[in-house]
Amino acid sequence: MVARAVVDWLLGEDQPAIRYRTLTELLGRPQSDPEVREARSRIPEVGWAADLLAERDAAGWWVSEKSHYRPKYVSTNWKMLVLSDLGLRRDNPAIRDSCEAWARMRPQGRGAPGSTVPGPLHHCMTGNATRAWIRFGYADDPRVRKALDWLVETAHPDGGWSCFSSVYRPATSRSLDCWEGLSALAAYPSSKRTRSMQGCIEKGAEFYLDRELHRQGKPYPPWFRFHYPTHYYYDLLVGLEVLTSLGYGSDPRLRFALSLLEEKRRPDGRWNLDAVHPDVKGSSLAARWEAWFKDHPADRFLPFALERAGSPSKMITLRALLVLDRVGA
């Protein structure tokens, strides 16, 4: 009865994006199902996606046309990442136009597929943007394939990525924080993956599994809190999402992260949004960030959230249930 009540809550008419994803991803309904078609048609009209689209400039950007990356986390890059999670596709003219505007990003924060602006690429930005483009329906676009090939070519030889590695050489270090490349490959249809992509996935997955999704350096408290939007940050729910979507749900090295997921479930069967990024509470980075913001006030982040931290979250609950569904729980 608790499980049914949670699913009914996710199927609420107030957020058709969550309703659509619940019907298709959790309940396995086909795209031809009348309820699925109705929910999808309402995504740009009601709820979070509608609110974001209403803030969009007619030219395809949010907040400023001078930078699609700053201010964090309210400009074009960040809003498009969220919209890609809400079930919108390139058949929506606003999404199609904004993807092309995104590809014309200024050098700062470059990473969208097809970008012709000179400047360094970063794994985190490129992985995020490529994943979003795939979800928007651009899997067959040659710009997406080019971005995926670059992610494979510049991965660490033993699996994983480091965000700031040079475009001219593989990563010399790697971090659990740099999950975005693996998420882009996970979003790419398995039938389209090349042998090199599959090899990169296997090595990348092993990098995470060998560390049980959380063992790297000193314990980092934000990794154990669940967030949305995730932006370019990592937490254990992010790790579980990517690894289970790639078919590693039965690997025993997921036990720690799955136990944490179960511990965080509320008595009513839902999960809370633990925190909104940038979340550095309890971390040694907190003082460093404050000092940076003091010296660079224009770079201070502008937190953005769809739901209130500390309260039951439809997005976190849906993501958690999808993970448990993949592991057969």
Protein backbone atom coordinates (compact mmCIF):
# COMPACT_ATOMS: atom_id res chain seq x y z
CA MET A 1 0.00 0.00 0.00
CA VAL A 2 2.89 2.36 0.77
CA ALA A 3 4.50 1.61 -2.61
CA ARG A 4 1.20 2.20 -4.42
CA ALA A 5 0.73 5.50 -2.62
CA VAL A 6 4.21 6.64 -3.64
CA VAL A 7 3.61 5.76 -7.28
CA ASP A 8 0.26 7.56 -7.19
CA TRP A 9 2.06 10.61 -5.79
CA LEU A 10 4.57 10.51 -8.67
CA LEU A 11 1.69 10.19 -11.14
CA GLY A 12 0.14 13.44 -9.94
CA GLU A 13 -1.10 15.80 -12.64
CA ASP A 14 0.82 18.76 -11.18
CA GLN A 15 4.15 17.63 -12.66
CA PRO A 16 3.54 15.96 -16.05
CA ALA A 17 7.30 15.48 -16.53
CA ILE A 18 7.47 13.23 -13.47
CA ARG A 19 4.20 11.58 -14.46
CA TYR A 20 5.57 10.87 -17.95
CA ARG A 21 8.84 9.42 -16.67
CA THR A 22 7.04 7.32 -14.07
CA LEU A 23 4.70 5.88 -16.68
CA THR A 24 7.44 5.09 -19.18
CA GLU A 25 10.54 4.30 -17.10
CA LEU A 26 9.10 2.90 -13.89
CA LEU A 27 5.85 1.31 -15.10
CA GLY A 28 7.08 0.39 -18.58
CA ARG A 29 4.22 1.95 -20.54
CA PRO A 30 4.87 2.35 -24.31
CA GLN A 31 4.99 5.76 -26.00
CA SER A 32 1.74 4.86 -27.78
CA ASP A 33 -0.17 4.58 -24.51
CA PRO A 34 -2.84 7.32 -24.33
CA GLU A 35 -1.84 8.35 -20.78
CA VAL A 36 1.81 8.57 -21.82
CA ARG A 37 0.98 10.69 -24.85
CA GLU A 38 -1.22 12.99 -22.79
CA ALA A 39 1.40 13.42 -20.08
CA ARG A 40 4.14 14.15 -22.60
CA SER A 41 2.01 16.73 -24.38
CA ARG A 42 1.52 18.63 -21.11
CA ILE A 43 5.21 18.81 -20.13
CA PRO A 44 5.83 22.20 -21.82
CA GLU A 45 2.51 23.54 -20.56
CA VAL A 46 2.40 22.72 -16.83
CA GLY A 47 4.90 22.40 -14.02
CA TRP A 48 8.66 22.75 -13.87
CA ALA A 49 9.41 22.58 -17.60
CA ALA A 50 6.74 25.16 -18.38
CA ASP A 51 8.17 27.49 -15.73
CA LEU A 52 11.70 27.16 -17.16
CA LEU A 53 10.57 27.72 -20.73
CA ALA A 54 8.66 30.83 -19.65
CA GLU A 55 11.98 32.35 -18.45
CA ARG A 56 13.73 31.67 -21.75
CA ASP A 57 14.64 34.51 -24.09
CA ALA A 58 13.20 34.18 -27.59
CA ALA A 59 16.77 33.90 -28.91
CA GLY A 60 17.24 30.66 -27.00
CA TRP A 61 19.16 31.66 -23.89
CA TRP A 62 18.50 32.21 -20.19
CA VAL A 63 19.69 35.17 -18.06
CA SER A 64 22.43 36.40 -20.40
CA GLU A 65 23.43 35.94 -24.03
CA LYS A 66 27.01 36.86 -23.13
CA SER A 67 27.66 33.61 -21.26
CA HIS A 68 25.74 30.37 -21.37
CA TYR A 69 27.70 29.13 -18.34
CA ARG A 70 27.61 32.01 -15.88
CA PRO A 71 26.04 32.86 -13.59
CA LYS A 72 25.93 29.42 -12.09
CA TYR A 73 23.36 27.79 -11.80
CA VAL A 74 20.72 29.83 -13.57
CA SER A 75 22.09 30.46 -17.09
CA THR A 76 21.54 28.47 -20.28
CA ASN A 77 23.85 25.53 -19.62
CA TRP A 78 22.21 24.69 -16.31
CA LYS A 79 18.61 25.19 -17.43
CA MET A 80 19.14 22.95 -20.44
CA LEU A 81 20.56 20.18 -18.26
CA VAL A 82 17.42 20.29 -16.14
CA LEU A 83 15.10 20.38 -19.14
CA SER A 84 16.80 17.29 -20.56
CA ASP A 85 15.74 15.43 -17.40
CA LEU A 86 12.11 16.53 -17.78
CA GLY A 87 11.20 14.59 -20.90
CA LEU A 88 11.35 17.36 -23.50
CA ARG A 89 12.68 16.53 -26.96
CA ARG A 90 13.99 18.27 -30.05
CA ASP A 91 10.52 18.19 -31.62
CA ASN A 92 9.82 21.12 -29.30
CA PRO A 93 10.96 24.24 -31.23
CA ALA A 94 12.22 25.98 -28.10
CA ILE A 95 14.46 23.02 -27.22
CA ARG A 96 15.73 22.72 -30.79
CA ASP A 97 16.59 26.42 -31.01
CA SER A 98 18.21 26.48 -27.57
CA CYS A 99 20.40 23.48 -28.41
CA GLU A 100 21.80 25.37 -31.38
CA ALA A 101 22.33 28.47 -29.24
CA TRP A 102 24.05 26.29 -26.64
CA ALA A 103 26.46 24.99 -29.29
CA ARG A 104 27.55 28.59 -29.87
CA MET A 105 28.69 28.99 -26.26
CA ARG A 106 31.43 31.43 -25.37
CA PRO A 107 34.85 29.84 -24.62
CA GLN A 108 34.22 29.97 -20.85
CA GLY A 109 32.34 26.81 -20.13
CA ARG A 110 32.65 25.41 -23.65
CA GLY A 111 31.51 21.82 -23.97
CA ALA A 112 28.25 21.54 -25.89
CA PRO A 113 28.38 19.18 -28.89
CA GLY A 114 29.21 20.96 -32.12
CA SER A 115 30.72 24.00 -30.44
CA THR A 116 32.93 25.85 -32.93
CA VAL A 117 34.11 28.46 -30.42
CA PRO A 118 37.89 28.21 -29.78
CA GLY A 119 38.83 27.25 -26.26
CA PRO A 120 39.59 24.25 -24.04
CA LEU A 121 37.15 21.42 -23.55
CA HIS A 122 36.38 20.04 -20.10
CA HIS A 123 35.19 16.52 -19.46
CA CYS A 124 32.52 17.55 -16.97
CA MET A 125 30.92 20.13 -19.27
CA THR A 126 31.21 18.01 -22.39
CA GLY A 127 29.83 14.91 -20.66
CA ASN A 128 26.88 16.83 -19.21
CA ALA A 129 25.99 18.57 -22.45
CA THR A 130 26.37 15.41 -24.55
CA ARG A 131 24.12 13.45 -22.19
CA ALA A 132 21.52 16.20 -22.47
CA TRP A 133 21.70 16.30 -26.27
CA ILE A 134 21.20 12.53 -26.41
CA ARG A 135 18.16 12.79 -24.15
CA PHE A 136 16.80 15.60 -26.32
CA GLY A 137 16.90 13.21 -29.28
CA TYR A 138 20.22 14.00 -30.95
CA ALA A 139 21.80 10.55 -30.64
CA ASP A 140 22.27 10.33 -34.42
CA ASP A 141 23.67 13.83 -34.78
CA PRO A 142 27.34 13.67 -35.90
CA ARG A 143 28.18 16.36 -33.35
CA VAL A 144 27.16 14.01 -30.56
CA ARG A 145 29.25 11.19 -31.97
CA LYS A 146 32.24 13.52 -32.20
CA ALA A 147 31.83 14.53 -28.55
CA LEU A 148 31.53 10.88 -27.44
CA ASP A 149 34.64 9.92 -29.40
CA TRP A 150 36.53 12.74 -27.69
CA LEU A 151 35.40 11.53 -24.26
CA VAL A 152 36.67 8.05 -25.10
CA GLU A 153 39.97 9.28 -26.52
CA THR A 154 40.77 11.44 -23.49
CA ALA A 155 39.68 9.03 -20.76
CA HIS A 156 42.27 7.68 -18.37
CA PRO A 157 43.76 4.47 -19.81
CA ASP A 158 42.56 2.57 -16.74
CA GLY A 159 39.08 4.11 -16.73
CA GLY A 160 37.59 7.36 -15.49
CA TRP A 161 38.18 11.03 -16.18
CA SER A 162 39.56 14.22 -14.70
CA CYS A 163 37.66 17.38 -15.54
CA PHE A 164 40.58 19.68 -16.33
CA SER A 165 42.81 17.37 -18.37
CA SER A 166 44.22 18.73 -21.59
CA VAL A 167 42.43 17.99 -24.83
CA TYR A 168 45.74 16.77 -26.22
CA ARG A 169 46.38 13.90 -23.80
CA PRO A 170 44.48 11.35 -21.73
CA ALA A 171 43.65 12.19 -18.15
CA THR A 172 46.65 11.89 -15.86
CA SER A 173 44.42 11.65 -12.81
CA ARG A 174 40.81 10.67 -12.25
CA SER A 175 38.11 11.33 -9.73
CA LEU A 176 34.73 9.97 -8.71
CA ASP A 177 33.57 13.56 -9.08
CA CYS A 178 34.05 13.33 -12.85
CA TRP A 179 31.08 11.06 -13.60
CA GLU A 180 29.68 12.99 -16.55
CA GLY A 181 31.59 11.20 -19.31
CA LEU A 182 30.28 7.84 -18.15
CA SER A 183 26.75 9.24 -17.92
CA ALA A 184 26.92 10.43 -21.54
CA LEU A 185 28.00 6.98 -22.71
CA ALA A 186 25.25 5.43 -20.58
CA ALA A 187 22.63 7.63 -22.26
CA TYR A 188 23.85 6.66 -25.74
CA PRO A 189 21.86 3.67 -27.08
CA SER A 190 23.79 0.43 -26.59
CA SER A 191 23.09 -0.58 -30.19
CA LYS A 192 25.07 2.45 -31.40
CA ARG A 193 28.12 2.05 -29.14
CA THR A 194 31.43 1.23 -30.78
CA ARG A 195 33.87 -1.31 -29.38
CA SER A 196 36.03 1.52 -28.03
CA MET A 197 33.01 3.09 -26.32
CA GLN A 198 32.11 -0.21 -24.69
CA GLY A 199 35.67 -0.72 -23.53
CA CYS A 200 35.70 2.77 -22.05
CA ILE A 201 32.42 2.04 -20.24
CA GLU A 202 33.77 -1.19 -18.77
CA LYS A 203 36.95 0.45 -17.50
CA GLY A 204 35.03 3.45 -16.17
CA ALA A 205 32.51 1.26 -14.37
CA GLU A 206 35.31 -0.75 -12.79
CA PHE A 207 36.90 2.46 -11.51
CA TYR A 208 33.68 3.26 -9.61
CA LEU A 209 32.93 -0.29 -8.49
CA ASP A 210 36.45 -0.84 -7.20
CA ARG A 211 35.88 2.14 -4.89
CA GLU A 212 32.34 1.06 -3.98
CA LEU A 213 31.17 4.41 -5.38
CA HIS A 214 32.51 6.37 -2.39
CA ARG A 215 36.08 5.44 -1.38
CA GLN A 216 38.54 8.04 -2.63
CA GLY A 217 40.57 10.18 -0.28
CA LYS A 218 39.04 11.44 2.94
CA PRO A 219 35.28 10.96 3.50
CA TYR A 220 33.43 13.77 1.72
CA PRO A 221 30.04 14.50 3.37
CA PRO A 222 28.25 15.94 0.29
CA TRP A 223 28.65 12.57 -1.49
CA PHE A 224 26.28 11.06 1.07
CA ARG A 225 23.51 13.63 0.53
CA PHE A 226 21.10 13.47 -2.40
CA HIS A 227 20.70 16.54 -4.63
CA TYR A 228 18.84 17.83 -7.64
CA PRO A 229 19.87 19.46 -9.90
CA THR A 230 23.17 17.63 -9.71
CA HIS A 231 24.95 20.12 -12.04
CA TYR A 232 28.50 18.73 -12.26
CA TYR A 233 28.59 17.37 -8.68
CA TYR A 234 28.66 13.75 -7.61
CA ASP A 235 26.80 11.88 -4.90
CA LEU A 236 26.02 8.21 -4.34
CA LEU A 237 22.61 8.42 -5.99
CA VAL A 238 24.34 9.76 -9.12
CA GLY A 239 26.75 6.83 -9.01
CA LEU A 240 23.93 4.32 -8.55
CA GLU A 241 21.95 5.82 -11.42
CA VAL A 242 24.81 5.55 -13.88
CA LEU A 243 26.08 2.11 -12.85
CA THR A 244 22.65 0.48 -12.73
CA SER A 245 21.65 2.01 -16.07
CA LEU A 246 24.74 0.35 -17.55
CA GLY A 247 23.68 -3.07 -16.23
CA TYR A 248 25.87 -3.38 -13.14
CA GLY A 249 22.96 -3.62 -10.68
CA SER A 250 23.91 -7.11 -9.48
CA ASP A 251 27.52 -6.24 -8.66
CA PRO A 252 28.06 -6.80 -4.91
CA ARG A 253 30.23 -3.70 -4.71
CA LEU A 254 27.06 -1.59 -4.92
CA ARG A 255 25.92 -2.86 -1.50
CA PHE A 256 27.22 0.10 0.47
CA ALA A 257 25.51 2.65 -1.77
CA LEU A 258 22.28 0.63 -1.94
CA SER A 259 22.24 0.35 1.85
CA LEU A 260 22.55 4.12 2.10
CA LEU A 261 19.70 4.50 -0.37
CA GLU A 262 17.46 2.28 1.75
CA GLU A 263 18.45 4.09 4.95
CA LYS A 264 17.36 7.38 3.46
CA ARG A 265 13.90 6.14 2.54
CA ARG A 266 11.24 7.81 4.68
CA PRO A 267 8.63 5.73 6.54
CA ASP A 268 6.07 6.85 3.93
CA GLY A 269 8.23 5.35 1.15
CA ARG A 270 9.50 8.62 -0.28
CA TRP A 271 12.93 10.28 -0.26
CA ASN A 272 13.84 13.84 0.68
CA LEU A 273 15.87 16.32 -1.29
CA ASP A 274 18.80 16.52 1.14
CA ALA A 275 20.49 19.68 -0.10
CA VAL A 276 20.82 22.11 -2.99
CA HIS A 277 24.18 22.76 -4.66
CA PRO A 278 26.66 24.18 -4.04
CA ASP A 279 26.62 21.90 -1.00
CA VAL A 280 29.91 21.88 0.92
CA LYS A 281 28.63 21.55 4.50
CA GLY A 282 31.04 19.54 6.61
CA SER A 283 33.67 19.70 3.87
CA SER A 284 37.12 21.24 4.03
CA LEU A 285 36.18 23.18 0.88
CA ALA A 286 33.62 25.38 2.64
CA ALA A 287 36.13 27.96 3.91
CA ARG A 288 37.96 27.95 0.58
CA TRP A 289 34.79 28.70 -1.36
CA GLU A 290 33.82 31.54 0.94
CA ALA A 291 37.25 33.10 0.57
CA TRP A 292 36.95 32.81 -3.22
CA PHE A 293 33.52 34.42 -3.27
CA LYS A 294 34.76 37.26 -1.12
CA ASP A 295 37.51 38.04 -3.64
CA HIS A 296 35.33 37.30 -6.70
CA PRO A 297 31.78 38.43 -5.87
CA ALA A 298 30.69 38.22 -9.53
CA ASP A 299 31.42 34.48 -9.49
CA ARG A 300 29.17 33.70 -6.52
CA PHE A 301 26.81 30.87 -7.38
CA LEU A 302 23.06 31.42 -7.58
CA PRO A 303 21.51 28.20 -6.25
CA PHE A 304 18.59 26.83 -8.22
CA ALA A 305 16.16 24.10 -7.22
CA LEU A 306 12.84 22.67 -8.32
CA GLU A 307 11.93 21.47 -4.83
CA ARG A 308 12.65 22.46 -1.25
CA ALA A 309 15.59 20.91 0.56
CA GLY A 310 14.58 18.78 3.55
CA SER A 311 11.19 17.91 2.06
CA PRO A 312 9.91 14.90 0.08
CA SER A 313 11.15 15.15 -3.49
CA LYS A 314 9.45 13.72 -6.56
CA MET A 315 12.69 13.86 -8.54
CA ILE A 316 14.79 12.13 -5.87
CA THR A 317 12.06 9.55 -5.21
CA LEU A 318 11.68 8.70 -8.89
CA ARG A 319 15.44 8.36 -9.34
CA ALA A 320 15.72 6.17 -6.23
CA LEU A 321 12.88 3.89 -7.34
CA LEU A 322 14.39 3.52 -10.80
CA VAL A 323 17.66 2.39 -9.21
CA LEU A 324 15.88 -0.13 -7.00
CA ASP A 325 13.84 -1.38 -9.96
CA ARG A 326 17.03 -2.04 -11.91
CA VAL A 327 18.52 -4.08 -9.07
CA GLY A 328 15.32 -6.07 -8.68
CA ALA A 329 14.39 -4.55 -5.31
